[in-house]
Amino acid sequence: MDTVTWRLFADLAEVAGGREHAVSVESDGTVEDALAVLLDGREDLRGRVLDGDDLADDVNLMRNGSPAALSDGVDDGDELAMFPPVTGGTDGSNA
């Protein structure tokens, strides 16, 4: 078994009851497997991050700081992150 850590941000952390969650997956597991473990028993979070069987369009997914897909493999010690879209503003500079 491998252990991966989910880091959740904004409303996802609120719905999940915390920002950080360690989950165990099989050694040949995927991001989707790790997500299934995270969502087990968290129906509110499931409803927030999934659209049917797919990741909702307004949820970003990262693995070790890079964009990830549900089909990507995971390794022991990986950090997975989910967050809603980040909106920006202007900083007042004229770039």
Protein backbone atom coordinates (compact mmCIF):
# COMPACT_ATOMS: atom_id res chain seq x y z
CA MET A 1 0.00 0.00 0.00
CA ASP A 2 1.08 3.54 -0.78
CA THR A 3 0.14 6.62 1.19
CA VAL A 4 -0.66 9.85 -0.62
CA THR A 5 -1.71 13.16 0.87
CA TRP A 6 -4.59 15.23 -0.41
CA ARG A 7 -4.42 18.99 0.08
CA LEU A 8 -7.74 20.73 -0.38
CA PHE A 9 -8.29 24.45 -0.75
CA ALA A 10 -11.09 27.00 -0.44
CA ASP A 11 -14.60 25.55 -0.15
CA LEU A 12 -13.31 22.02 -0.83
CA ALA A 13 -11.42 22.04 2.48
CA GLU A 14 -14.52 23.31 4.28
CA VAL A 15 -16.74 20.61 2.79
CA ALA A 16 -14.16 17.89 3.53
CA GLY A 17 -13.65 18.96 7.14
CA GLY A 18 -10.01 19.94 6.76
CA ARG A 19 -7.23 20.87 4.38
CA GLU A 20 -5.06 17.76 4.58
CA HIS A 21 -6.05 14.10 4.32
CA ALA A 22 -3.73 11.09 4.03
CA VAL A 23 -5.16 8.09 2.18
CA SER A 24 -3.84 4.63 1.34
CA VAL A 25 -4.06 3.13 -2.14
CA GLU A 26 -2.74 -0.01 -3.80
CA SER A 27 0.83 0.25 -5.09
CA ASP A 28 -0.41 0.41 -8.68
CA GLY A 29 -3.13 2.93 -7.79
CA THR A 30 -4.22 6.00 -9.70
CA VAL A 31 -5.35 9.50 -8.79
CA GLU A 32 -8.89 8.22 -9.31
CA ASP A 33 -8.29 5.45 -6.73
CA ALA A 34 -6.95 8.01 -4.25
CA LEU A 35 -9.96 10.22 -4.90
CA ALA A 36 -12.35 7.32 -4.27
CA VAL A 37 -10.73 6.72 -0.88
CA LEU A 38 -10.90 10.44 -0.05
CA LEU A 39 -14.58 10.60 -1.01
CA ASP A 40 -15.57 7.45 0.91
CA GLY A 41 -18.01 8.62 3.57
CA ARG A 42 -17.83 12.25 2.42
CA GLU A 43 -21.00 12.55 0.33
CA ASP A 44 -21.00 16.37 0.47
CA LEU A 45 -17.49 16.45 -0.95
CA ARG A 46 -18.42 13.84 -3.56
CA GLY A 47 -21.31 16.02 -4.71
CA ARG A 48 -19.02 19.06 -4.88
CA VAL A 49 -16.11 17.57 -6.87
CA LEU A 50 -17.81 15.05 -9.16
CA ASP A 51 -20.20 15.52 -12.05
CA GLY A 52 -21.47 11.99 -12.47
CA ASP A 53 -18.33 9.86 -12.64
CA ASP A 54 -16.13 12.70 -13.89
CA LEU A 55 -14.34 15.48 -12.08
CA ALA A 56 -16.47 18.63 -12.08
CA ASP A 57 -15.38 21.31 -14.55
CA ASP A 58 -14.76 23.80 -11.74
CA VAL A 59 -12.25 21.60 -9.87
CA ASN A 60 -8.52 21.71 -10.61
CA LEU A 61 -6.41 18.65 -9.89
CA MET A 62 -2.65 18.56 -9.29
CA ARG A 63 -0.12 15.83 -8.53
CA ASN A 64 3.17 16.97 -7.00
CA GLY A 65 2.59 20.50 -8.27
CA SER A 66 1.72 19.60 -11.87
CA PRO A 67 -1.68 19.28 -13.52
CA ALA A 68 -3.02 15.74 -13.20
CA ALA A 69 -5.68 13.50 -14.68
CA LEU A 70 -7.71 10.91 -12.80
CA SER A 71 -5.96 8.16 -14.80
CA ASP A 72 -2.46 9.21 -13.67
CA GLY A 73 -0.61 6.77 -11.44
CA VAL A 74 0.39 7.68 -7.91
CA ASP A 75 3.46 6.78 -5.89
CA ASP A 76 4.02 6.52 -2.17
CA GLY A 77 4.47 10.01 -0.72
CA ASP A 78 2.77 11.87 -3.58
CA GLU A 79 0.92 15.07 -2.83
CA LEU A 80 -2.40 15.53 -4.58
CA ALA A 81 -4.27 18.81 -4.55
CA MET A 82 -7.76 19.93 -5.50
CA PHE A 83 -8.98 23.48 -5.67
CA PRO A 84 -11.60 25.59 -7.43
CA PRO A 85 -10.57 27.97 -10.21
CA VAL A 86 -8.40 30.82 -9.06
CA THR A 87 -9.63 34.20 -10.12
CA GLY A 88 -7.25 37.06 -10.49
CA GLY A 89 -7.43 40.76 -10.49
CA THR A 90 -5.16 43.56 -11.42
CA ASP A 91 -2.23 44.59 -9.32
CA GLY A 92 -2.30 48.11 -10.63
CA SER A 93 0.77 47.72 -12.79
CA ASN A 94 0.87 48.43 -16.51
CA ALA A 95 2.69 45.38 -17.79
